[in-house]
N, C-alpha and C. Protein backbone atom coordinates (compact mmCIF):
# COMPACT_ATOMS: atom_id res chain seq x y z
N MET A 1 5.06 -28.07 -30.86
CA MET A 1 5.27 -28.35 -29.49
C MET A 1 6.33 -27.42 -28.92
N ASP A 2 7.00 -26.64 -29.75
CA ASP A 2 8.11 -25.77 -29.34
C ASP A 2 7.63 -24.73 -28.33
N GLY A 3 6.44 -24.13 -28.55
CA GLY A 3 5.96 -23.08 -27.65
C GLY A 3 4.97 -23.59 -26.61
N ASP A 4 4.79 -24.91 -26.56
CA ASP A 4 3.84 -25.50 -25.64
C ASP A 4 4.38 -25.51 -24.23
N LEU A 5 3.58 -25.04 -23.28
CA LEU A 5 3.95 -25.12 -21.86
C LEU A 5 3.08 -26.17 -21.20
N ARG A 6 3.70 -27.22 -20.74
CA ARG A 6 2.93 -28.31 -20.13
C ARG A 6 2.35 -27.92 -18.77
N HIS A 7 3.05 -27.14 -17.99
CA HIS A 7 2.59 -26.83 -16.63
C HIS A 7 2.24 -25.36 -16.46
N GLY A 8 2.43 -24.55 -17.48
CA GLY A 8 2.16 -23.13 -17.32
C GLY A 8 0.78 -22.68 -17.61
N GLY A 9 -0.03 -23.48 -18.22
CA GLY A 9 -1.41 -23.14 -18.44
C GLY A 9 -1.63 -22.21 -19.65
N GLY A 10 -0.63 -22.06 -20.51
CA GLY A 10 -0.78 -21.21 -21.67
C GLY A 10 0.22 -21.56 -22.71
N VAL A 11 0.31 -20.77 -23.79
CA VAL A 11 1.23 -21.00 -24.87
C VAL A 11 2.14 -19.78 -24.98
N ARG A 12 3.42 -20.04 -25.26
CA ARG A 12 4.37 -18.93 -25.42
C ARG A 12 4.05 -18.11 -26.65
N VAL A 13 4.04 -16.81 -26.46
CA VAL A 13 3.85 -15.88 -27.54
C VAL A 13 4.92 -14.84 -27.46
N GLY A 14 5.85 -14.84 -28.40
CA GLY A 14 6.91 -13.82 -28.40
C GLY A 14 7.72 -13.82 -27.13
N GLY A 15 7.99 -14.99 -26.54
CA GLY A 15 8.79 -15.04 -25.33
C GLY A 15 8.02 -14.89 -24.06
N LEU A 16 6.78 -14.47 -24.13
CA LEU A 16 5.95 -14.29 -22.94
C LEU A 16 4.87 -15.38 -22.88
N ARG A 17 4.47 -15.72 -21.72
CA ARG A 17 3.41 -16.76 -21.59
C ARG A 17 2.05 -16.06 -21.74
N GLU A 18 1.21 -16.65 -22.53
CA GLU A 18 -0.15 -16.14 -22.66
C GLU A 18 -0.94 -16.59 -21.45
N VAL A 19 -1.76 -15.68 -20.95
CA VAL A 19 -2.56 -15.99 -19.76
C VAL A 19 -3.63 -17.02 -20.13
N ALA A 20 -3.72 -18.09 -19.34
CA ALA A 20 -4.70 -19.13 -19.60
C ALA A 20 -6.06 -18.63 -19.26
N ALA A 21 -7.08 -19.28 -19.83
CA ALA A 21 -8.46 -18.91 -19.55
C ALA A 21 -8.75 -19.17 -18.08
N SER A 22 -9.55 -18.31 -17.46
CA SER A 22 -9.91 -18.52 -16.04
C SER A 22 -10.92 -19.66 -15.87
N PHE A 23 -10.95 -20.20 -14.72
CA PHE A 23 -11.88 -21.30 -14.45
C PHE A 23 -12.21 -21.29 -12.96
N VAL A 24 -13.30 -21.94 -12.61
CA VAL A 24 -13.74 -22.01 -11.24
C VAL A 24 -13.32 -23.33 -10.66
N VAL A 25 -12.69 -23.26 -9.50
CA VAL A 25 -12.26 -24.48 -8.80
C VAL A 25 -13.45 -25.00 -7.99
N PRO A 26 -13.78 -26.25 -8.08
CA PRO A 26 -14.88 -26.81 -7.31
C PRO A 26 -14.57 -26.70 -5.78
N GLY A 27 -15.62 -26.59 -5.00
CA GLY A 27 -15.48 -26.50 -3.57
C GLY A 27 -14.99 -27.79 -2.97
N PRO A 28 -14.77 -27.83 -1.68
CA PRO A 28 -14.31 -29.01 -0.99
C PRO A 28 -15.31 -30.16 -1.17
N ALA A 29 -14.79 -31.35 -1.14
CA ALA A 29 -15.62 -32.52 -1.34
C ALA A 29 -16.49 -32.82 -0.12
N GLY A 30 -16.22 -32.26 1.02
CA GLY A 30 -17.03 -32.48 2.18
C GLY A 30 -16.69 -33.71 2.94
N VAL A 31 -15.49 -34.21 2.78
CA VAL A 31 -15.06 -35.39 3.50
C VAL A 31 -14.63 -34.98 4.89
N ALA A 32 -15.16 -35.67 5.87
CA ALA A 32 -14.78 -35.45 7.24
C ALA A 32 -14.41 -36.76 7.91
N ILE A 33 -13.37 -36.75 8.67
CA ILE A 33 -12.99 -37.96 9.38
C ILE A 33 -13.05 -37.66 10.86
N ARG A 34 -13.79 -38.45 11.57
CA ARG A 34 -13.92 -38.26 13.02
C ARG A 34 -13.28 -39.46 13.70
N ASP A 35 -12.49 -39.19 14.68
CA ASP A 35 -11.84 -40.24 15.44
C ASP A 35 -11.61 -39.75 16.85
N ARG A 36 -11.43 -40.64 17.72
CA ARG A 36 -11.15 -40.30 19.11
C ARG A 36 -9.78 -40.85 19.50
N LEU A 37 -9.09 -40.08 20.32
CA LEU A 37 -7.86 -40.61 20.89
C LEU A 37 -8.19 -41.62 21.95
N ARG A 38 -7.52 -42.71 21.92
CA ARG A 38 -7.68 -43.73 22.94
C ARG A 38 -6.51 -43.58 23.90
N VAL A 39 -6.79 -42.93 25.03
CA VAL A 39 -5.73 -42.68 25.99
C VAL A 39 -6.07 -43.33 27.31
N SER A 40 -5.03 -43.54 28.09
CA SER A 40 -5.24 -44.10 29.40
C SER A 40 -5.84 -43.06 30.34
N ASP A 41 -6.31 -43.49 31.49
CA ASP A 41 -6.86 -42.55 32.45
C ASP A 41 -5.81 -41.55 32.90
N ALA A 42 -4.59 -41.98 33.06
CA ALA A 42 -3.50 -41.08 33.49
C ALA A 42 -3.26 -40.04 32.39
N ASP A 43 -3.19 -40.46 31.11
CA ASP A 43 -2.98 -39.55 30.02
C ASP A 43 -4.15 -38.52 29.92
N ALA A 44 -5.37 -39.02 30.11
CA ALA A 44 -6.53 -38.16 30.06
C ALA A 44 -6.45 -37.10 31.14
N ALA A 45 -5.99 -37.46 32.33
CA ALA A 45 -5.82 -36.47 33.42
C ALA A 45 -4.78 -35.43 33.07
N VAL A 46 -3.68 -35.90 32.49
CA VAL A 46 -2.63 -34.93 32.09
C VAL A 46 -3.16 -33.99 31.00
N LEU A 47 -3.84 -34.51 30.01
CA LEU A 47 -4.40 -33.65 28.96
C LEU A 47 -5.39 -32.62 29.49
N ALA A 48 -6.18 -33.05 30.46
CA ALA A 48 -7.13 -32.13 31.09
C ALA A 48 -6.41 -31.03 31.83
N GLU A 49 -5.36 -31.38 32.54
CA GLU A 49 -4.59 -30.38 33.28
C GLU A 49 -3.92 -29.40 32.31
N VAL A 50 -3.35 -29.91 31.24
CA VAL A 50 -2.70 -29.06 30.22
C VAL A 50 -3.76 -28.12 29.64
N GLY A 51 -4.95 -28.62 29.35
CA GLY A 51 -6.02 -27.79 28.80
C GLY A 51 -6.42 -26.69 29.76
N VAL A 52 -6.54 -26.99 31.05
CA VAL A 52 -6.90 -26.00 32.05
C VAL A 52 -5.80 -24.96 32.12
N TYR A 53 -4.55 -25.40 32.15
CA TYR A 53 -3.43 -24.46 32.24
C TYR A 53 -3.31 -23.52 31.05
N LEU A 54 -3.37 -24.13 29.85
CA LEU A 54 -3.31 -23.27 28.64
C LEU A 54 -4.53 -22.37 28.53
N GLY A 55 -5.68 -22.84 28.96
CA GLY A 55 -6.88 -22.00 28.98
C GLY A 55 -6.72 -20.83 29.89
N SER A 56 -6.09 -21.01 31.03
CA SER A 56 -5.87 -19.90 31.97
C SER A 56 -4.88 -18.91 31.35
N LEU A 57 -3.85 -19.42 30.66
CA LEU A 57 -2.91 -18.48 29.99
C LEU A 57 -3.63 -17.67 28.91
N ALA A 58 -4.48 -18.33 28.15
CA ALA A 58 -5.25 -17.64 27.10
C ALA A 58 -6.20 -16.59 27.68
N ALA A 59 -6.87 -16.94 28.78
CA ALA A 59 -7.77 -15.99 29.41
C ALA A 59 -7.03 -14.76 29.93
N GLY A 60 -5.88 -15.03 30.54
CA GLY A 60 -5.07 -13.90 31.04
C GLY A 60 -4.56 -13.03 29.90
N ASP A 61 -4.19 -13.68 28.79
CA ASP A 61 -3.67 -12.88 27.64
C ASP A 61 -4.78 -12.06 27.04
N LEU A 62 -5.98 -12.61 26.97
CA LEU A 62 -7.11 -11.84 26.43
C LEU A 62 -7.42 -10.64 27.35
N ALA A 63 -7.34 -10.85 28.63
CA ALA A 63 -7.58 -9.75 29.57
C ALA A 63 -6.51 -8.65 29.37
N GLU A 64 -5.27 -9.05 29.18
CA GLU A 64 -4.20 -8.09 28.96
C GLU A 64 -4.41 -7.35 27.64
N ARG A 65 -4.77 -8.11 26.62
CA ARG A 65 -4.99 -7.50 25.29
C ARG A 65 -6.17 -6.50 25.34
N SER A 66 -7.18 -6.82 26.13
CA SER A 66 -8.34 -5.95 26.24
C SER A 66 -7.95 -4.68 26.98
N ARG A 67 -7.05 -4.79 27.99
CA ARG A 67 -6.58 -3.60 28.71
C ARG A 67 -5.80 -2.66 27.78
N GLN A 68 -5.11 -3.23 26.78
CA GLN A 68 -4.34 -2.41 25.85
C GLN A 68 -5.26 -1.57 24.96
N GLY A 69 -6.45 -2.03 24.71
CA GLY A 69 -7.40 -1.28 23.90
C GLY A 69 -6.87 -0.98 22.51
N LEU A 70 -7.13 0.24 22.06
CA LEU A 70 -6.71 0.62 20.67
C LEU A 70 -5.28 0.99 20.55
N THR A 71 -4.54 1.05 21.70
CA THR A 71 -3.15 1.42 21.65
C THR A 71 -2.23 0.24 21.37
N HIS A 72 -2.82 -0.88 21.01
CA HIS A 72 -2.05 -2.11 20.75
C HIS A 72 -1.13 -1.92 19.57
N ASP A 73 0.10 -2.47 19.67
CA ASP A 73 1.03 -2.46 18.54
C ASP A 73 1.92 -3.69 18.62
N ALA A 74 2.83 -3.81 17.67
CA ALA A 74 3.69 -4.99 17.60
C ALA A 74 4.56 -5.14 18.87
N ALA A 75 4.96 -4.04 19.43
CA ALA A 75 5.82 -4.10 20.63
C ALA A 75 5.01 -4.71 21.80
N GLY A 76 3.74 -4.29 21.94
CA GLY A 76 2.88 -4.84 22.99
C GLY A 76 2.66 -6.32 22.78
N TRP A 77 2.46 -6.72 21.54
CA TRP A 77 2.28 -8.14 21.20
C TRP A 77 3.53 -8.92 21.58
N ALA A 78 4.71 -8.38 21.29
CA ALA A 78 5.96 -9.06 21.62
C ALA A 78 6.14 -9.23 23.14
N VAL A 79 5.76 -8.21 23.90
CA VAL A 79 5.86 -8.29 25.37
C VAL A 79 4.94 -9.39 25.89
N ARG A 80 3.71 -9.43 25.40
CA ARG A 80 2.78 -10.47 25.83
C ARG A 80 3.29 -11.86 25.46
N LYS A 81 3.82 -12.01 24.27
CA LYS A 81 4.33 -13.31 23.82
C LYS A 81 5.55 -13.71 24.65
N ARG A 82 6.43 -12.76 24.92
CA ARG A 82 7.61 -13.08 25.74
C ARG A 82 7.18 -13.52 27.14
N GLU A 83 6.22 -12.86 27.75
CA GLU A 83 5.76 -13.27 29.08
C GLU A 83 5.15 -14.65 29.04
N LEU A 84 4.35 -14.95 28.03
CA LEU A 84 3.77 -16.30 27.91
C LEU A 84 4.85 -17.37 27.62
N THR A 85 5.86 -17.02 26.89
CA THR A 85 6.93 -17.97 26.56
C THR A 85 7.63 -18.42 27.85
N GLY A 86 7.74 -17.54 28.82
CA GLY A 86 8.35 -17.92 30.07
C GLY A 86 7.48 -18.89 30.87
N ARG A 87 6.18 -18.92 30.59
CA ARG A 87 5.27 -19.76 31.32
C ARG A 87 4.82 -20.99 30.55
N SER A 88 5.20 -21.09 29.26
CA SER A 88 4.84 -22.22 28.43
C SER A 88 5.98 -22.50 27.47
N SER A 89 5.77 -22.29 26.19
CA SER A 89 6.79 -22.43 25.15
C SER A 89 6.53 -21.38 24.10
N ALA A 90 7.53 -21.11 23.26
CA ALA A 90 7.38 -20.11 22.22
C ALA A 90 6.25 -20.46 21.28
N ARG A 91 6.09 -21.76 21.00
CA ARG A 91 5.04 -22.18 20.06
C ARG A 91 3.68 -21.94 20.67
N TRP A 92 3.47 -22.35 21.94
CA TRP A 92 2.19 -22.11 22.58
C TRP A 92 1.92 -20.61 22.77
N ALA A 93 2.97 -19.85 23.13
CA ALA A 93 2.82 -18.41 23.28
C ALA A 93 2.38 -17.77 21.99
N GLY A 94 2.96 -18.18 20.89
CA GLY A 94 2.58 -17.61 19.59
C GLY A 94 1.14 -17.96 19.23
N SER A 95 0.75 -19.21 19.48
CA SER A 95 -0.62 -19.63 19.18
C SER A 95 -1.63 -18.88 20.06
N ILE A 96 -1.31 -18.72 21.32
CA ILE A 96 -2.21 -18.04 22.22
C ILE A 96 -2.39 -16.57 21.86
N THR A 97 -1.27 -15.88 21.61
CA THR A 97 -1.35 -14.45 21.32
C THR A 97 -2.03 -14.21 19.98
N LYS A 98 -1.82 -15.13 19.01
CA LYS A 98 -2.51 -15.02 17.72
C LYS A 98 -4.00 -15.20 17.88
N ALA A 99 -4.40 -16.24 18.66
CA ALA A 99 -5.83 -16.49 18.90
C ALA A 99 -6.45 -15.31 19.64
N THR A 100 -5.72 -14.77 20.60
CA THR A 100 -6.23 -13.62 21.37
C THR A 100 -6.42 -12.43 20.46
N HIS A 101 -5.44 -12.17 19.60
CA HIS A 101 -5.57 -11.06 18.67
C HIS A 101 -6.80 -11.22 17.77
N ASP A 102 -6.96 -12.41 17.22
CA ASP A 102 -8.11 -12.67 16.33
C ASP A 102 -9.44 -12.56 17.11
N GLN A 103 -9.47 -13.04 18.34
CA GLN A 103 -10.67 -12.95 19.13
C GLN A 103 -11.02 -11.51 19.46
N TRP A 104 -10.02 -10.71 19.79
CA TRP A 104 -10.27 -9.31 20.13
C TRP A 104 -10.74 -8.56 18.88
N ALA A 105 -10.11 -8.82 17.76
CA ALA A 105 -10.50 -8.13 16.52
C ALA A 105 -11.93 -8.51 16.11
N LEU A 106 -12.30 -9.78 16.28
CA LEU A 106 -13.65 -10.22 15.95
C LEU A 106 -14.67 -9.51 16.84
N ALA A 107 -14.33 -9.40 18.13
CA ALA A 107 -15.22 -8.72 19.05
C ALA A 107 -15.40 -7.25 18.68
N ARG A 108 -14.28 -6.62 18.27
CA ARG A 108 -14.39 -5.16 17.87
C ARG A 108 -15.22 -5.03 16.60
N ARG A 109 -15.08 -5.93 15.64
CA ARG A 109 -15.88 -5.86 14.43
C ARG A 109 -17.36 -6.06 14.78
N GLY A 110 -17.63 -7.00 15.70
CA GLY A 110 -19.00 -7.24 16.07
C GLY A 110 -19.59 -6.02 16.80
N GLN A 111 -18.77 -5.40 17.62
CA GLN A 111 -19.21 -4.17 18.34
C GLN A 111 -19.50 -3.07 17.35
N ALA A 112 -18.63 -2.90 16.37
CA ALA A 112 -18.86 -1.82 15.40
C ALA A 112 -20.10 -2.09 14.57
N ALA A 113 -20.31 -3.38 14.20
CA ALA A 113 -21.49 -3.71 13.42
C ALA A 113 -22.78 -3.51 14.23
N HIS A 114 -22.71 -3.81 15.52
CA HIS A 114 -23.86 -3.58 16.40
C HIS A 114 -24.18 -2.13 16.52
N MET A 115 -23.16 -1.31 16.68
CA MET A 115 -23.36 0.14 16.81
C MET A 115 -23.85 0.77 15.51
N ALA A 116 -23.44 0.18 14.39
CA ALA A 116 -23.91 0.75 13.10
C ALA A 116 -25.36 0.36 12.87
């Protein structure tokens, strides 16, 4: 038991850990939980307004990102995030700019695949 590694997945050999045999991890179990928020009419109205507002910020950011085209860089991303932070919060601004970046990149990949 001297060279036994309980959590390392292998046995010590000359001071080094032996690499454990590879294995395949099973996929997700497929469990899904669906639930609805039970909110008052007033809360539902507020949530709808917040959704409309954040959606307009995201649409504006996507338009700005599209105008940047291929010249996009980290500095441009920071400027967009800073502008959104003034109109929302740093957390929402980060989420929006990340989603915009991913959406723009997906569109470019789709465009390249279509042209190919």
